[in-house]
Amino acid sequence: MSPTQNKLIANLLVVIGVGVCATFGAQLTPKTLQAVTIEQVKKNQESSRLVASELPSIEVEAPVERVKTWWSLSALPFTSGLCLILLGSFWARKLQHDELNREPSEHSDHSTQALKADESLALMIKTLREMDALLAQDDPKQLTVVKQALEKLQIDTIDPFVESREQLKMKLGINHFVEVFGSFSQGERKINRAWAACVDQHFAETKSSIKTALSSIESALALLSNS
C-alpha cells in the first residue's frame, strides 16, 4: 500500500478506537441506569400518572462497586478501543517519522531536490542582494527583470524550503524553529509584496519591500547559524 493509504488506515483506527471507547466508557451499569430512570419518572410523574410513593426506592451504588460492575460489562470493548487508539497513533507517528527521514530519490531531478536550510536561505539572500543592487540604479525598466527573478526564486528555492519545514522543525526543536521560520515568513511576505509591486509597476514599493525582505531573511539565517 502507498504511504497515503497507510496514513488513512492509521487515522481510521484512531477514529474507530475513540468511538468505541466513548460508547462503552459512558455505559451505565444496570443499577445506575435504574436510578436515573426513576429520577426521570419522578420529574415527569404527573404526565406518567404515578406518585412518588408508587415508585421503587433508589439504590445508589458505591463508586467502587459501580466501577467494578462497569468493568465487568465493558472491559473487553473499551480495552479494544484503547488498543486501536494506541496502535493507530503509533503507526501514524512512525509513518510521519519515516517520511521526514526519507532520503530524496536518486532518480529525482537535481533541480527539484531541496537544498539544506542554510543553503536555501543563503541563496535567497544572494538573489535579494542582486535585485537590491539592480534597483539602486533607480531604473523602473528593471522591474521586469526583478519580477522574473522573484518568480524563479519562489519556484526554485522558497517553495522547497517551505515544504521542508517539518524536517527543519524536527532538527531545530519547536522553539528555535519558530524563531527561524518567523523571520523567514516576514521576508517571504515582503518578497510577495515586491512581486505584486512589480506587477503594478510601483518602483518605490518594490525597492522598499526587497530591502525589508533581505533584512528578514538575513535574520533567519543568523538565527539558524546559532543552532
Protein backbone atom coordinates (compact mmCIF):
# COMPACT_ATOMS: atom_id res chain seq x y z
CA MET A 1 0.00 0.00 0.00
CA SER A 2 1.07 3.58 -0.56
CA PRO A 3 2.10 5.85 2.35
CA THR A 4 -1.10 7.84 1.87
CA GLN A 5 -3.24 4.72 2.24
CA ASN A 6 -1.29 3.69 5.34
CA LYS A 7 -1.87 7.13 6.88
CA LEU A 8 -5.57 6.87 6.12
CA ILE A 9 -5.82 3.44 7.77
CA ALA A 10 -3.85 4.62 10.83
CA ASN A 11 -6.12 7.64 11.28
CA LEU A 12 -9.19 5.46 10.77
CA LEU A 13 -8.03 3.12 13.55
CA VAL A 14 -7.75 6.09 15.90
CA VAL A 15 -11.24 7.32 14.98
CA ILE A 16 -12.78 3.87 15.46
CA GLY A 17 -10.96 3.45 18.77
CA VAL A 18 -12.19 6.80 20.05
CA GLY A 19 -15.75 5.90 19.06
CA VAL A 20 -15.60 2.52 20.82
CA CYS A 21 -14.07 4.00 23.98
CA ALA A 22 -16.62 6.81 24.06
CA THR A 23 -19.51 4.38 23.59
CA PHE A 24 -18.54 1.86 26.23
CA GLY A 25 -16.76 4.28 28.53
CA ALA A 26 -20.05 6.11 29.06
CA GLN A 27 -22.08 2.94 29.51
CA LEU A 28 -24.21 2.94 32.68
CA THR A 29 -24.39 -0.04 34.99
CA PRO A 30 -27.85 -1.62 35.46
CA LYS A 31 -28.35 -0.13 38.94
CA THR A 32 -27.22 3.31 37.85
CA LEU A 33 -29.49 3.11 34.82
CA GLN A 34 -32.40 2.15 37.07
CA ALA A 35 -31.69 5.06 39.41
CA VAL A 36 -31.54 7.50 36.51
CA THR A 37 -34.78 6.11 35.11
CA ILE A 38 -36.56 6.51 38.43
CA GLU A 39 -35.36 10.09 38.76
CA GLN A 40 -36.65 10.87 35.29
CA VAL A 41 -40.01 9.32 36.12
CA LYS A 42 -40.25 11.37 39.31
CA LYS A 43 -39.70 14.55 37.35
CA ASN A 44 -42.47 13.57 34.98
CA GLN A 45 -44.77 11.84 37.49
CA GLU A 46 -47.77 13.99 36.59
CA SER A 47 -47.59 13.08 32.94
CA SER A 48 -46.92 9.43 33.77
CA ARG A 49 -49.75 9.39 36.35
CA LEU A 50 -47.51 7.97 39.07
CA VAL A 51 -47.00 9.26 42.58
CA ALA A 52 -43.68 9.17 44.38
CA SER A 53 -44.89 6.54 46.83
CA GLU A 54 -45.59 4.11 43.99
CA LEU A 55 -42.07 4.31 42.68
CA PRO A 56 -39.38 1.86 43.82
CA SER A 57 -36.68 3.24 46.07
CA ILE A 58 -33.42 4.31 44.50
CA GLU A 59 -30.46 2.11 45.28
CA VAL A 60 -27.26 4.07 44.93
CA GLU A 61 -24.16 2.07 44.09
CA ALA A 62 -20.93 2.77 45.85
CA PRO A 63 -18.27 4.18 43.48
CA VAL A 64 -16.04 1.13 43.73
CA GLU A 65 -18.94 -1.22 43.11
CA ARG A 66 -20.09 0.86 40.15
CA VAL A 67 -16.61 0.76 38.60
CA LYS A 68 -16.35 -3.00 39.12
CA THR A 69 -19.75 -3.57 37.53
CA TRP A 70 -18.90 -1.29 34.60
CA TRP A 71 -15.55 -3.06 34.12
CA SER A 72 -17.20 -6.49 34.04
CA LEU A 73 -19.60 -5.28 31.33
CA SER A 74 -17.34 -3.03 29.23
CA ALA A 75 -13.76 -4.14 29.85
CA LEU A 76 -13.28 -6.01 26.58
CA PRO A 77 -14.74 -3.47 24.12
CA PHE A 78 -13.27 -0.48 25.99
CA THR A 79 -9.80 -2.05 26.09
CA SER A 80 -10.08 -2.97 22.42
CA GLY A 81 -10.92 0.63 21.56
CA LEU A 82 -7.98 1.86 23.62
CA CYS A 83 -5.67 -0.56 21.80
CA LEU A 84 -6.92 0.73 18.45
CA ILE A 85 -6.15 4.30 19.51
CA LEU A 86 -2.64 3.39 20.61
CA LEU A 87 -1.98 1.27 17.54
CA GLY A 88 -3.24 3.94 15.14
CA SER A 89 -1.32 6.70 16.94
CA PHE A 90 1.99 4.83 16.98
CA TRP A 91 1.57 3.77 13.36
CA ALA A 92 0.76 7.30 12.22
CA ARG A 93 3.75 8.63 14.16
CA LYS A 94 6.05 6.04 12.61
CA LEU A 95 4.81 6.86 9.11
CA GLN A 96 5.43 10.55 9.74
CA HIS A 97 8.90 9.87 11.10
CA ASP A 98 9.77 7.66 8.11
CA GLU A 99 8.50 10.29 5.69
CA LEU A 100 10.53 13.07 7.30
CA ASN A 101 13.70 10.99 7.27
CA ARG A 102 13.26 9.58 3.79
CA GLU A 103 16.18 10.44 1.57
CA PRO A 104 15.47 12.13 -1.78
CA SER A 105 15.14 9.69 -4.64
CA GLU A 106 18.36 9.05 -6.50
CA HIS A 107 16.43 9.31 -9.72
CA SER A 108 14.79 12.64 -8.94
CA ASP A 109 15.81 15.67 -10.94
CA HIS A 110 18.62 17.60 -9.26
CA SER A 111 16.82 20.91 -9.70
CA THR A 112 13.85 19.68 -7.70
CA GLN A 113 15.85 18.41 -4.73
CA ALA A 114 15.53 20.62 -1.71
CA LEU A 115 18.69 22.37 -0.59
CA LYS A 116 19.76 22.37 3.01
CA ALA A 117 18.06 25.08 5.05
CA ASP A 118 21.15 27.27 5.36
CA GLU A 119 21.94 26.89 1.66
CA SER A 120 18.38 27.87 0.73
CA LEU A 121 18.45 30.98 2.92
CA ALA A 122 21.91 31.92 1.62
CA LEU A 123 20.66 31.63 -1.98
CA MET A 124 17.65 33.82 -1.15
CA ILE A 125 19.97 36.43 0.35
CA LYS A 126 22.27 36.33 -2.69
CA THR A 127 19.34 36.82 -5.08
CA LEU A 128 17.80 39.60 -3.00
CA ARG A 129 21.13 41.45 -2.81
CA GLU A 130 21.46 41.27 -6.57
CA MET A 131 17.96 42.69 -7.01
CA ASP A 132 18.64 45.38 -4.40
CA ALA A 133 21.75 46.43 -6.32
CA LEU A 134 19.76 46.40 -9.56
CA LEU A 135 17.04 48.62 -8.09
CA ALA A 136 19.67 51.00 -6.71
CA GLN A 137 20.08 52.22 -10.31
CA ASP A 138 16.62 53.79 -9.97
CA ASP A 139 15.62 52.48 -13.36
CA PRO A 140 11.92 51.44 -13.46
CA LYS A 141 12.67 49.36 -16.54
CA GLN A 142 14.42 46.87 -14.26
CA LEU A 143 11.09 45.89 -12.66
CA THR A 144 10.53 43.25 -15.33
CA VAL A 145 13.89 41.66 -14.57
CA VAL A 146 13.17 41.76 -10.83
CA LYS A 147 9.76 40.20 -11.33
CA GLN A 148 11.22 37.29 -13.30
CA ALA A 149 13.97 36.79 -10.71
CA LEU A 150 11.40 36.72 -7.89
CA GLU A 151 9.33 34.13 -9.72
CA LYS A 152 12.38 31.91 -10.23
CA LEU A 153 13.37 32.36 -6.58
CA GLN A 154 9.89 31.36 -5.46
CA ILE A 155 9.80 28.16 -7.51
CA ASP A 156 13.41 27.01 -7.16
CA THR A 157 14.19 27.97 -3.57
CA ILE A 158 11.33 29.31 -1.45
CA ASP A 159 8.75 26.62 -2.22
CA PRO A 160 11.15 23.71 -1.49
CA PHE A 161 12.27 25.45 1.71
CA VAL A 162 8.67 25.78 2.90
CA GLU A 163 7.96 22.14 2.05
CA SER A 164 10.91 21.05 4.20
CA ARG A 165 9.63 22.83 7.30
CA GLU A 166 8.72 19.58 9.10
CA GLN A 167 12.26 18.26 8.75
CA LEU A 168 13.59 21.60 9.95
CA LYS A 169 11.23 21.53 12.93
CA MET A 170 12.50 18.11 13.98
CA LYS A 171 16.11 19.22 13.60
CA LEU A 172 15.82 22.54 15.45
CA GLY A 173 13.11 21.88 18.01
CA ILE A 174 9.86 23.80 18.11
CA ASN A 175 11.13 26.94 19.90
CA HIS A 176 14.15 27.56 17.67
CA PHE A 177 12.13 26.61 14.59
CA VAL A 178 9.53 29.27 15.40
CA GLU A 179 12.25 31.92 15.64
CA VAL A 180 13.88 30.95 12.34
CA PHE A 181 10.67 30.41 10.41
CA GLY A 182 9.11 33.54 11.88
CA SER A 183 11.86 35.72 10.41
CA PHE A 184 11.72 33.81 7.14
CA SER A 185 7.93 34.25 6.92
CA GLN A 186 8.28 38.01 7.33
CA GLY A 187 10.76 38.03 4.48
CA GLU A 188 8.57 35.81 2.32
CA ARG A 189 5.61 38.15 2.74
CA LYS A 190 7.76 41.08 1.65
CA ILE A 191 9.01 39.10 -1.35
CA ASN A 192 5.40 38.51 -2.37
CA ARG A 193 4.69 42.21 -1.84
CA ALA A 194 7.67 43.11 -4.03
CA TRP A 195 6.39 40.83 -6.79
CA ALA A 196 2.93 42.45 -6.61
CA ALA A 197 4.55 45.90 -6.74
CA CYS A 198 6.49 44.84 -9.85
CA VAL A 199 3.24 43.82 -11.50
CA ASP A 200 1.75 47.22 -10.58
CA GLN A 201 4.93 48.98 -11.81
CA HIS A 202 5.35 50.55 -8.37
CA PHE A 203 9.09 51.11 -8.22
CA ALA A 204 9.38 52.65 -4.73
CA GLU A 205 7.34 49.90 -3.08
CA THR A 206 9.32 47.20 -4.89
CA LYS A 207 12.61 48.69 -3.71
CA SER A 208 11.39 49.05 -0.12
CA SER A 209 9.96 45.52 0.01
CA ILE A 210 13.18 43.97 -1.33
CA LYS A 211 15.25 45.73 1.35
CA THR A 212 12.91 44.62 4.13
CA ALA A 213 12.79 41.05 2.79
CA LEU A 214 16.58 40.94 2.64
CA SER A 215 16.86 42.06 6.27
CA SER A 216 14.36 39.42 7.44
CA ILE A 217 15.99 36.56 5.53
CA GLU A 218 19.41 37.58 6.86
CA SER A 219 17.98 37.45 10.38
CA ALA A 220 16.58 33.97 9.70
CA LEU A 221 19.98 32.71 8.51
CA ALA A 222 21.71 34.25 11.55
CA LEU A 223 19.25 32.51 13.88
CA LEU A 224 19.71 29.23 12.03
CA SER A 225 23.50 29.52 12.25
CA ASN A 226 23.22 29.82 16.04
CA SER A 227 21.60 26.38 16.31
